[in-house]
């Protein structure tokens, strides 16, 4: 083989990708990434995570109410006896009784009863993950004493069409 033919052969074997090939690979990777993101659905996953926290908080508040009842001869805090109330607020502003229709009136003492200075039943009152940034607006959890003597605690801000409510 002559030197001229070797040089020609070496030039023809130079590697590299054309712009079209690179764009095609980037396009395929983008489509696959989009399909994976849609399959994982991060918005739903985050909502489910917040709902799991809400379920835990509802049970914590309900258990604290029953511990309070056991220590007080079966009596529940006065705040939940006559109405459905927001279980507390952050403790930085006045605690309000929040009715089912969303109106708030009066002062309630459920925060003081369950957390209080001695932290007998709860170290701190749980706050709904979606309202945590708005301290002072309430915990986002509601408690009520039904006419049959059962207590219901619910999280009305549940996401992904979930209903989070526990009655005992």
N, C-alpha and C. Protein backbone atom coordinates (compact mmCIF):
# COMPACT_ATOMS: atom_id res chain seq x y z
N UNK A 1 0.83 -1.16 0.00
CA UNK A 1 0.00 0.00 0.00
C UNK A 1 0.89 1.24 0.00
N UNK A 2 0.52 2.18 -0.77
CA UNK A 2 1.34 3.39 -0.87
C UNK A 2 1.00 4.35 0.24
N UNK A 3 1.88 5.27 0.42
CA UNK A 3 1.71 6.25 1.48
C UNK A 3 0.48 7.10 1.22
N UNK A 4 0.19 7.39 -0.03
CA UNK A 4 -0.95 8.20 -0.40
C UNK A 4 -2.25 7.48 -0.03
N UNK A 5 -2.32 6.19 -0.28
CA UNK A 5 -3.52 5.42 0.06
C UNK A 5 -3.71 5.30 1.57
N UNK A 6 -2.64 5.21 2.34
CA UNK A 6 -2.72 5.12 3.81
C UNK A 6 -3.30 6.41 4.38
N UNK A 7 -2.87 7.55 3.84
CA UNK A 7 -3.38 8.83 4.32
C UNK A 7 -4.86 8.95 4.02
N UNK A 8 -5.27 8.52 2.84
CA UNK A 8 -6.68 8.57 2.46
C UNK A 8 -7.51 7.65 3.36
N UNK A 9 -6.97 6.48 3.66
CA UNK A 9 -7.66 5.51 4.51
C UNK A 9 -7.80 6.05 5.94
N UNK A 10 -6.78 6.70 6.45
CA UNK A 10 -6.81 7.25 7.80
C UNK A 10 -7.84 8.36 7.91
N UNK A 11 -7.97 9.16 6.87
CA UNK A 11 -8.96 10.25 6.90
C UNK A 11 -10.38 9.70 6.90
N UNK A 12 -10.62 8.66 6.20
CA UNK A 12 -11.97 8.13 6.09
C UNK A 12 -12.42 7.43 7.37
N UNK A 13 -11.49 7.03 8.22
CA UNK A 13 -11.85 6.34 9.45
C UNK A 13 -11.95 7.29 10.65
N UNK A 14 -11.84 8.59 10.43
CA UNK A 14 -11.99 9.54 11.53
C UNK A 14 -13.38 9.38 12.14
N UNK A 15 -13.43 9.31 13.51
CA UNK A 15 -14.71 9.14 14.19
C UNK A 15 -15.36 10.48 14.49
N UNK A 16 -16.64 10.43 14.86
CA UNK A 16 -17.36 11.63 15.26
C UNK A 16 -18.84 11.46 14.96
N UNK A 17 -19.63 12.30 15.58
CA UNK A 17 -21.07 12.26 15.38
C UNK A 17 -21.50 13.52 14.64
N UNK A 18 -22.47 13.37 13.81
CA UNK A 18 -23.02 14.54 13.13
C UNK A 18 -24.00 15.23 14.06
N UNK A 19 -24.31 16.45 13.74
CA UNK A 19 -25.26 17.22 14.54
C UNK A 19 -26.62 16.53 14.57
N UNK A 20 -27.03 15.96 13.49
CA UNK A 20 -28.31 15.25 13.41
C UNK A 20 -28.35 14.05 14.36
N UNK A 21 -27.27 13.30 14.42
CA UNK A 21 -27.21 12.15 15.33
C UNK A 21 -27.29 12.58 16.78
N UNK A 22 -26.58 13.64 17.15
CA UNK A 22 -26.61 14.14 18.52
C UNK A 22 -28.01 14.62 18.89
N UNK A 23 -28.65 15.38 17.99
CA UNK A 23 -30.00 15.88 18.26
C UNK A 23 -31.00 14.73 18.38
N UNK A 24 -30.83 13.70 17.59
CA UNK A 24 -31.72 12.55 17.66
C UNK A 24 -31.60 11.84 19.00
N UNK A 25 -30.39 11.63 19.49
CA UNK A 25 -30.18 10.99 20.79
C UNK A 25 -30.74 11.85 21.91
N UNK A 26 -30.50 13.17 21.88
CA UNK A 26 -31.04 14.07 22.90
C UNK A 26 -32.57 14.04 22.89
N UNK A 27 -33.17 14.00 21.73
CA UNK A 27 -34.63 13.93 21.62
C UNK A 27 -35.19 12.65 22.21
N UNK A 28 -34.56 11.53 21.95
CA UNK A 28 -35.01 10.24 22.48
C UNK A 28 -34.89 10.22 24.01
N UNK A 29 -33.78 10.72 24.52
CA UNK A 29 -33.60 10.78 25.98
C UNK A 29 -34.65 11.69 26.61
N UNK A 30 -34.96 12.81 25.99
CA UNK A 30 -35.99 13.73 26.52
C UNK A 30 -37.35 13.07 26.57
N UNK A 31 -37.70 12.35 25.52
CA UNK A 31 -39.00 11.67 25.50
C UNK A 31 -39.07 10.61 26.59
N UNK A 32 -38.02 9.84 26.76
CA UNK A 32 -38.00 8.82 27.81
C UNK A 32 -38.08 9.44 29.20
N UNK A 33 -37.36 10.54 29.41
CA UNK A 33 -37.41 11.23 30.71
C UNK A 33 -38.81 11.75 30.99
N UNK A 34 -39.46 12.30 29.98
CA UNK A 34 -40.84 12.79 30.15
C UNK A 34 -41.80 11.67 30.52
N UNK A 35 -41.66 10.53 29.89
CA UNK A 35 -42.52 9.38 30.20
C UNK A 35 -42.29 8.91 31.64
N UNK A 36 -41.06 8.87 32.06
CA UNK A 36 -40.74 8.43 33.43
C UNK A 36 -41.31 9.41 34.45
N UNK A 37 -41.16 10.71 34.20
CA UNK A 37 -41.68 11.72 35.13
C UNK A 37 -43.19 11.61 35.23
N UNK A 38 -43.87 11.41 34.10
CA UNK A 38 -45.33 11.25 34.14
C UNK A 38 -45.74 9.99 34.89
N UNK A 39 -44.96 8.93 34.75
CA UNK A 39 -45.29 7.68 35.43
C UNK A 39 -45.10 7.81 36.94
N UNK A 40 -44.07 8.53 37.35
CA UNK A 40 -43.80 8.71 38.78
C UNK A 40 -44.78 9.69 39.40
N UNK A 41 -45.19 10.72 38.69
CA UNK A 41 -46.13 11.74 39.15
C UNK A 41 -45.71 12.34 40.50
N UNK A 42 -44.69 13.18 40.51
CA UNK A 42 -44.18 13.71 41.78
C UNK A 42 -45.21 14.53 42.57
N UNK A 43 -46.14 15.19 41.90
CA UNK A 43 -47.15 15.96 42.62
C UNK A 43 -48.02 15.04 43.47
N UNK A 44 -48.44 13.92 42.90
CA UNK A 44 -49.24 12.97 43.66
C UNK A 44 -48.43 12.36 44.80
N UNK A 45 -47.19 12.04 44.52
CA UNK A 45 -46.33 11.45 45.55
C UNK A 45 -46.16 12.40 46.73
N UNK A 46 -45.94 13.69 46.46
CA UNK A 46 -45.80 14.67 47.54
C UNK A 46 -47.10 14.83 48.32
N UNK A 47 -48.24 14.82 47.60
CA UNK A 47 -49.54 14.89 48.27
C UNK A 47 -49.78 13.69 49.17
N UNK A 48 -49.39 12.50 48.69
CA UNK A 48 -49.54 11.29 49.51
C UNK A 48 -48.65 11.35 50.75
N UNK A 49 -47.48 11.94 50.61
CA UNK A 49 -46.58 12.09 51.76
C UNK A 49 -47.19 13.02 52.80
N UNK A 50 -47.75 14.15 52.34
CA UNK A 50 -48.40 15.07 53.28
C UNK A 50 -49.62 14.42 53.93
N UNK A 51 -50.36 13.60 53.17
CA UNK A 51 -51.52 12.90 53.74
C UNK A 51 -51.09 11.90 54.81
N UNK A 52 -49.96 11.25 54.62
CA UNK A 52 -49.46 10.32 55.64
C UNK A 52 -49.15 11.08 56.92
N UNK A 53 -48.58 12.28 56.80
CA UNK A 53 -48.31 13.12 57.97
C UNK A 53 -49.63 13.53 58.64
N UNK A 54 -50.63 13.86 57.84
CA UNK A 54 -51.94 14.24 58.39
C UNK A 54 -52.56 13.08 59.17
N UNK A 55 -52.48 11.86 58.62
CA UNK A 55 -53.04 10.70 59.33
C UNK A 55 -52.36 10.51 60.69
N UNK A 56 -51.07 10.66 60.69
CA UNK A 56 -50.31 10.53 61.94
C UNK A 56 -50.71 11.61 62.93
N UNK A 57 -50.84 12.85 62.45
CA UNK A 57 -51.22 13.97 63.33
C UNK A 57 -52.62 13.80 63.90
N UNK A 58 -53.57 13.34 63.07
CA UNK A 58 -54.95 13.13 63.53
C UNK A 58 -54.97 12.10 64.66
N UNK A 59 -54.24 11.01 64.49
CA UNK A 59 -54.18 10.00 65.55
C UNK A 59 -53.50 10.54 66.80
N UNK A 60 -52.48 11.35 66.64
CA UNK A 60 -51.79 11.95 67.79
C UNK A 60 -52.74 12.83 68.59
N UNK A 61 -53.50 13.68 67.90
CA UNK A 61 -54.44 14.57 68.58
C UNK A 61 -55.54 13.76 69.26
N UNK A 62 -56.06 12.75 68.57
CA UNK A 62 -57.12 11.92 69.15
C UNK A 62 -56.63 11.19 70.39
N UNK A 63 -55.42 10.65 70.33
CA UNK A 63 -54.86 9.97 71.51
C UNK A 63 -54.66 10.95 72.67
N UNK A 64 -54.23 12.17 72.36
CA UNK A 64 -54.06 13.17 73.42
C UNK A 64 -55.40 13.53 74.04
N UNK A 65 -56.45 13.63 73.24
CA UNK A 65 -57.79 13.92 73.77
C UNK A 65 -58.26 12.80 74.71
N UNK A 66 -58.00 11.57 74.34
CA UNK A 66 -58.42 10.46 75.19
C UNK A 66 -57.56 10.36 76.45
N UNK A 67 -56.30 10.68 76.36
CA UNK A 67 -55.47 10.73 77.57
C UNK A 67 -55.98 11.83 78.51
N UNK A 68 -56.35 12.97 77.94
CA UNK A 68 -56.92 14.06 78.73
C UNK A 68 -58.20 13.57 79.40
N UNK A 69 -59.05 12.87 78.65
CA UNK A 69 -60.31 12.36 79.18
C UNK A 69 -60.08 11.38 80.34
N UNK A 70 -59.10 10.52 80.18
CA UNK A 70 -58.80 9.57 81.26
C UNK A 70 -58.34 10.27 82.53
N UNK A 71 -57.58 11.34 82.38
CA UNK A 71 -57.09 12.08 83.54
C UNK A 71 -58.15 12.99 84.16
N UNK A 72 -59.27 13.21 83.45
CA UNK A 72 -60.30 14.12 83.92
C UNK A 72 -61.66 13.44 84.05
N UNK A 73 -61.65 12.22 84.55
CA UNK A 73 -62.88 11.46 84.83
C UNK A 73 -63.83 11.36 83.63
N UNK A 74 -63.27 11.17 82.46
CA UNK A 74 -64.09 10.99 81.26
C UNK A 74 -64.52 12.26 80.58
N UNK A 75 -64.18 13.40 81.13
CA UNK A 75 -64.57 14.68 80.52
C UNK A 75 -63.55 15.09 79.46
N UNK A 76 -64.07 15.59 78.35
CA UNK A 76 -63.21 16.11 77.29
C UNK A 76 -63.04 17.61 77.49
N UNK A 77 -62.06 18.22 76.85
CA UNK A 77 -61.90 19.67 76.97
C UNK A 77 -63.18 20.40 76.59
N UNK A 78 -63.49 21.46 77.31
CA UNK A 78 -64.72 22.21 77.07
C UNK A 78 -64.81 22.74 75.64
N UNK A 79 -63.68 23.00 75.01
CA UNK A 79 -63.69 23.57 73.67
C UNK A 79 -64.38 22.69 72.65
N UNK A 80 -64.32 21.37 72.80
CA UNK A 80 -64.91 20.50 71.79
C UNK A 80 -66.30 19.99 72.17
N UNK A 81 -66.80 20.36 73.33
CA UNK A 81 -68.08 19.81 73.80
C UNK A 81 -69.26 20.30 72.96
N UNK A 82 -69.29 21.57 72.60
CA UNK A 82 -70.48 22.13 71.95
C UNK A 82 -70.32 22.40 70.47
N UNK A 83 -69.15 22.22 69.90
CA UNK A 83 -68.97 22.56 68.49
C UNK A 83 -67.76 21.85 67.91
N UNK A 84 -67.65 21.94 66.62
CA UNK A 84 -66.47 21.45 65.93
C UNK A 84 -65.44 22.57 65.96
N UNK A 85 -64.26 22.28 66.44
CA UNK A 85 -63.26 23.34 66.60
C UNK A 85 -61.94 22.96 65.96
N UNK A 86 -61.23 23.99 65.54
CA UNK A 86 -59.86 23.80 65.09
C UNK A 86 -59.09 23.36 66.31
N UNK A 87 -58.29 22.32 66.19
CA UNK A 87 -57.67 21.71 67.36
C UNK A 87 -56.71 22.64 68.08
N UNK A 88 -56.21 23.64 67.44
CA UNK A 88 -55.35 24.61 68.10
C UNK A 88 -54.79 25.55 67.07
N UNK A 89 -53.97 26.47 67.53
CA UNK A 89 -53.11 27.17 66.59
C UNK A 89 -51.70 27.05 67.13
N UNK A 90 -50.80 27.83 66.62
CA UNK A 90 -49.40 27.68 66.99
C UNK A 90 -49.14 28.14 68.42
N UNK A 91 -50.13 28.72 69.07
CA UNK A 91 -49.93 29.20 70.43
C UNK A 91 -49.42 30.63 70.46
N UNK A 92 -49.21 31.23 69.30
CA UNK A 92 -48.69 32.59 69.27
C UNK A 92 -49.80 33.63 69.24
N UNK A 93 -51.01 33.24 68.88
CA UNK A 93 -52.14 34.16 68.87
C UNK A 93 -53.31 33.49 69.56
N UNK A 94 -54.40 34.22 69.70
CA UNK A 94 -55.57 33.67 70.37
C UNK A 94 -56.09 32.44 69.64
N UNK A 95 -56.46 31.43 70.38
CA UNK A 95 -57.03 30.22 69.81
C UNK A 95 -58.51 30.46 69.56
N UNK A 96 -58.95 30.17 68.35
CA UNK A 96 -60.33 30.44 68.01
C UNK A 96 -61.11 29.14 67.79
N UNK A 97 -62.39 29.21 68.06
CA UNK A 97 -63.28 28.09 67.77
C UNK A 97 -63.71 28.24 66.32
N UNK A 98 -63.38 27.28 65.49
CA UNK A 98 -63.70 27.33 64.07
C UNK A 98 -64.87 26.39 63.78
N UNK A 99 -65.95 26.96 63.31
CA UNK A 99 -67.15 26.19 63.04
C UNK A 99 -67.03 25.47 61.70
N UNK A 100 -67.97 24.54 61.43
CA UNK A 100 -67.96 23.79 60.17
C UNK A 100 -68.06 24.71 58.96
N UNK A 101 -68.76 25.83 59.09
CA UNK A 101 -68.93 26.72 57.94
C UNK A 101 -67.71 27.61 57.71
N UNK A 102 -66.67 27.46 58.50
CA UNK A 102 -65.44 28.21 58.29
C UNK A 102 -65.34 29.48 59.12
N UNK A 103 -66.41 29.86 59.82
CA UNK A 103 -66.35 31.06 60.63
C UNK A 103 -65.66 30.75 61.95
N UNK A 104 -64.98 31.73 62.51
CA UNK A 104 -64.27 31.54 63.76
C UNK A 104 -64.80 32.53 64.79
N UNK A 105 -65.12 32.03 65.97
CA UNK A 105 -65.62 32.90 67.03
C UNK A 105 -65.05 32.46 68.36
N UNK A 106 -64.94 33.38 69.27
CA UNK A 106 -64.59 33.07 70.65
C UNK A 106 -63.17 32.56 70.84
N UNK A 107 -62.89 32.26 72.08
CA UNK A 107 -61.58 31.74 72.44
C UNK A 107 -61.75 30.30 72.89
N UNK A 108 -60.88 29.44 72.45
CA UNK A 108 -60.92 28.06 72.89
C UNK A 108 -59.65 27.75 73.67
N UNK A 109 -59.68 26.73 74.48
CA UNK A 109 -58.53 26.41 75.31
C UNK A 109 -57.96 25.03 75.03
N UNK A 110 -58.27 24.46 73.88
CA UNK A 110 -57.79 23.12 73.59
C UNK A 110 -56.27 23.08 73.52
N UNK A 111 -55.67 24.11 72.94
CA UNK A 111 -54.20 24.18 72.89
C UNK A 111 -53.65 24.15 74.32
N UNK A 112 -54.22 24.96 75.18
CA UNK A 112 -53.78 25.02 76.57
C UNK A 112 -54.03 23.69 77.28
N UNK A 113 -55.18 23.06 77.00
CA UNK A 113 -55.50 21.79 77.66
C UNK A 113 -54.56 20.66 77.26
N UNK A 114 -54.21 20.60 75.99
CA UNK A 114 -53.40 19.47 75.51
C UNK A 114 -51.90 19.71 75.59
N UNK A 115 -51.47 20.93 75.35
CA UNK A 115 -50.03 21.21 75.37
C UNK A 115 -49.68 21.88 76.68
N UNK A 116 -50.23 23.06 76.90
CA UNK A 116 -50.05 23.77 78.17
C UNK A 116 -48.60 23.93 78.59
N UNK A 117 -48.42 24.44 79.78
CA UNK A 117 -47.08 24.68 80.31
C UNK A 117 -46.38 23.39 80.68
N UNK A 118 -47.15 22.39 81.08
CA UNK A 118 -46.53 21.15 81.54
C UNK A 118 -46.30 20.13 80.43
N UNK A 119 -46.88 20.36 79.26
CA UNK A 119 -46.77 19.43 78.12
C UNK A 119 -47.15 18.01 78.51
N UNK A 120 -48.27 17.89 79.22
CA UNK A 120 -48.71 16.59 79.72
C UNK A 120 -49.10 15.64 78.60
N UNK A 121 -49.82 16.13 77.60
CA UNK A 121 -50.38 15.26 76.58
C UNK A 121 -49.64 15.35 75.25
N UNK A 122 -49.17 16.52 74.90
CA UNK A 122 -48.42 16.72 73.66
C UNK A 122 -47.25 17.66 73.94
N UNK A 123 -46.14 17.41 73.30
CA UNK A 123 -45.00 18.33 73.43
C UNK A 123 -45.30 19.60 72.66
N UNK A 124 -45.85 19.45 71.46
CA UNK A 124 -46.31 20.59 70.66
C UNK A 124 -47.48 20.12 69.83
N UNK A 125 -48.34 21.06 69.48
CA UNK A 125 -49.52 20.70 68.72
C UNK A 125 -49.14 20.49 67.25
N UNK A 126 -49.55 19.37 66.65
CA UNK A 126 -49.26 19.15 65.22
C UNK A 126 -49.94 20.21 64.36
N UNK A 127 -49.29 20.58 63.29
CA UNK A 127 -49.85 21.56 62.36
C UNK A 127 -49.86 20.92 60.97
N UNK A 128 -50.97 21.07 60.27
CA UNK A 128 -51.14 20.51 58.94
C UNK A 128 -49.99 20.95 58.03
N UNK A 129 -49.42 20.03 57.22
CA UNK A 129 -48.29 20.39 56.37
C UNK A 129 -48.57 21.52 55.40
N UNK A 130 -49.80 21.68 54.95
CA UNK A 130 -50.10 22.76 54.00
C UNK A 130 -50.29 24.10 54.70
N UNK A 131 -50.58 24.11 56.01
CA UNK A 131 -50.75 25.37 56.73
C UNK A 131 -49.56 25.68 57.64
N UNK A 132 -48.54 24.83 57.62
CA UNK A 132 -47.40 25.02 58.51
C UNK A 132 -46.71 26.36 58.30
N UNK A 133 -46.73 26.85 57.07
CA UNK A 133 -46.06 28.12 56.79
C UNK A 133 -46.85 29.31 57.34
N UNK A 134 -48.15 29.12 57.62
CA UNK A 134 -49.00 30.20 58.10
C UNK A 134 -49.24 30.07 59.59
N UNK A 135 -48.22 30.15 60.38
CA UNK A 135 -48.35 30.00 61.83
C UNK A 135 -49.34 31.01 62.38
N UNK A 136 -50.14 30.57 63.33
CA UNK A 136 -51.11 31.46 63.94
C UNK A 136 -52.49 31.35 63.33
N UNK A 137 -52.63 30.61 62.23
CA UNK A 137 -53.93 30.49 61.58
C UNK A 137 -54.69 29.25 61.98
N UNK A 138 -54.16 28.49 62.86
CA UNK A 138 -54.81 27.25 63.28
C UNK A 138 -53.96 26.08 62.86
N UNK A 139 -54.26 24.93 63.43
CA UNK A 139 -53.46 23.76 63.13
C UNK A 139 -53.88 23.11 61.83
N UNK A 140 -55.11 23.34 61.40
CA UNK A 140 -55.62 22.68 60.21
C UNK A 140 -56.33 21.37 60.52
N UNK A 141 -56.37 20.98 61.80
CA UNK A 141 -57.06 19.77 62.23
C UNK A 141 -58.25 20.18 63.08
N UNK A 142 -59.37 19.49 62.90
CA UNK A 142 -60.59 19.83 63.62
C UNK A 142 -61.02 18.70 64.52
N UNK A 143 -61.52 19.06 65.70
CA UNK A 143 -62.00 18.08 66.67
C UNK A 143 -63.43 18.40 67.05
N UNK A 144 -64.24 17.36 67.22
CA UNK A 144 -65.61 17.58 67.67
C UNK A 144 -66.06 16.40 68.51
N UNK A 145 -66.96 16.68 69.44
CA UNK A 145 -67.57 15.65 70.28
C UNK A 145 -68.98 15.45 69.76
N UNK A 146 -69.28 14.24 69.32
CA UNK A 146 -70.59 13.96 68.77
C UNK A 146 -71.59 13.70 69.89
N UNK A 147 -72.87 13.75 69.55
CA UNK A 147 -73.91 13.58 70.55
C UNK A 147 -73.87 12.19 71.20
N UNK A 148 -73.33 11.20 70.52
CA UNK A 148 -73.24 9.85 71.09
C UNK A 148 -72.00 9.67 71.97
N UNK A 149 -71.24 10.75 72.21
CA UNK A 149 -70.09 10.70 73.09
C UNK A 149 -68.78 10.32 72.40
N UNK A 150 -68.82 10.17 71.09
CA UNK A 150 -67.61 9.82 70.36
C UNK A 150 -66.91 11.09 69.87
N UNK A 151 -65.59 11.02 69.83
CA UNK A 151 -64.79 12.17 69.39
C UNK A 151 -64.30 11.91 67.97
N UNK A 152 -64.40 12.95 67.14
CA UNK A 152 -63.91 12.88 65.77
C UNK A 152 -62.83 13.93 65.58
N UNK A 153 -61.71 13.53 65.02
CA UNK A 153 -60.66 14.47 64.63
C UNK A 153 -60.45 14.27 63.14
N UNK A 154 -60.43 15.39 62.39
CA UNK A 154 -60.28 15.27 60.94
C UNK A 154 -59.28 16.29 60.40
N UNK A 155 -58.83 16.01 59.18
CA UNK A 155 -57.93 16.90 58.46
C UNK A 155 -58.63 17.29 57.16
N UNK A 156 -59.33 18.42 57.13
CA UNK A 156 -60.13 18.76 55.95
C UNK A 156 -59.30 19.15 54.73
N UNK A 157 -58.02 19.44 54.89
CA UNK A 157 -57.18 19.86 53.76
C UNK A 157 -56.46 18.70 53.09
N UNK A 158 -56.95 17.47 53.28
CA UNK A 158 -56.30 16.31 52.68
C UNK A 158 -56.28 16.45 51.16
N UNK A 159 -55.24 15.91 50.55
CA UNK A 159 -55.04 16.05 49.11
C UNK A 159 -55.38 14.76 48.37
N UNK A 160 -55.43 14.84 47.06
CA UNK A 160 -55.67 13.70 46.18
C UNK A 160 -57.00 13.00 46.50
N UNK A 161 -58.02 13.77 46.78
CA UNK A 161 -59.37 13.30 47.10
C UNK A 161 -59.42 12.34 48.29
N UNK A 162 -58.44 12.42 49.17
CA UNK A 162 -58.44 11.57 50.36
C UNK A 162 -59.32 12.19 51.44
N UNK A 163 -59.90 11.35 52.28
CA UNK A 163 -60.65 11.80 53.44
C UNK A 163 -59.92 11.27 54.66
N UNK A 164 -59.48 12.19 55.51
CA UNK A 164 -58.75 11.79 56.69
C UNK A 164 -59.56 12.22 57.91
N UNK A 165 -60.18 11.24 58.54
CA UNK A 165 -61.03 11.48 59.70
C UNK A 165 -61.05 10.22 60.55
N UNK A 166 -60.87 10.40 61.86
CA UNK A 166 -60.89 9.26 62.76
C UNK A 166 -61.89 9.55 63.87
N UNK A 167 -62.75 8.58 64.14
CA UNK A 167 -63.77 8.71 65.18
C UNK A 167 -63.58 7.57 66.17
N UNK A 168 -63.57 7.90 67.45
CA UNK A 168 -63.51 6.88 68.51
C UNK A 168 -64.54 7.22 69.55
